[in-house]
């Protein structure tokens, strides 16, 4: 069975949901090869510094007070 392409309206809603979440997830629920629901969960983060490096890299991290870890 070949599923139909989602409508332009559905695709637009999916893109809108993705663009509307900075941190979180978008879940698309499918039933009988049709999109029936779009869910989004957004996380609001406090105190996240853009100068922080990846913990797995072993590099220093900039702490909020300006000190290095």
Foldseek 3Di string as FASTA:
>chain_A
DDADDADPVVVVVQVVLVVVEPDWDWDFDDDPNYGDDIDTDHDDDPQDDPQADDPVVVDWGQHPVRDTD
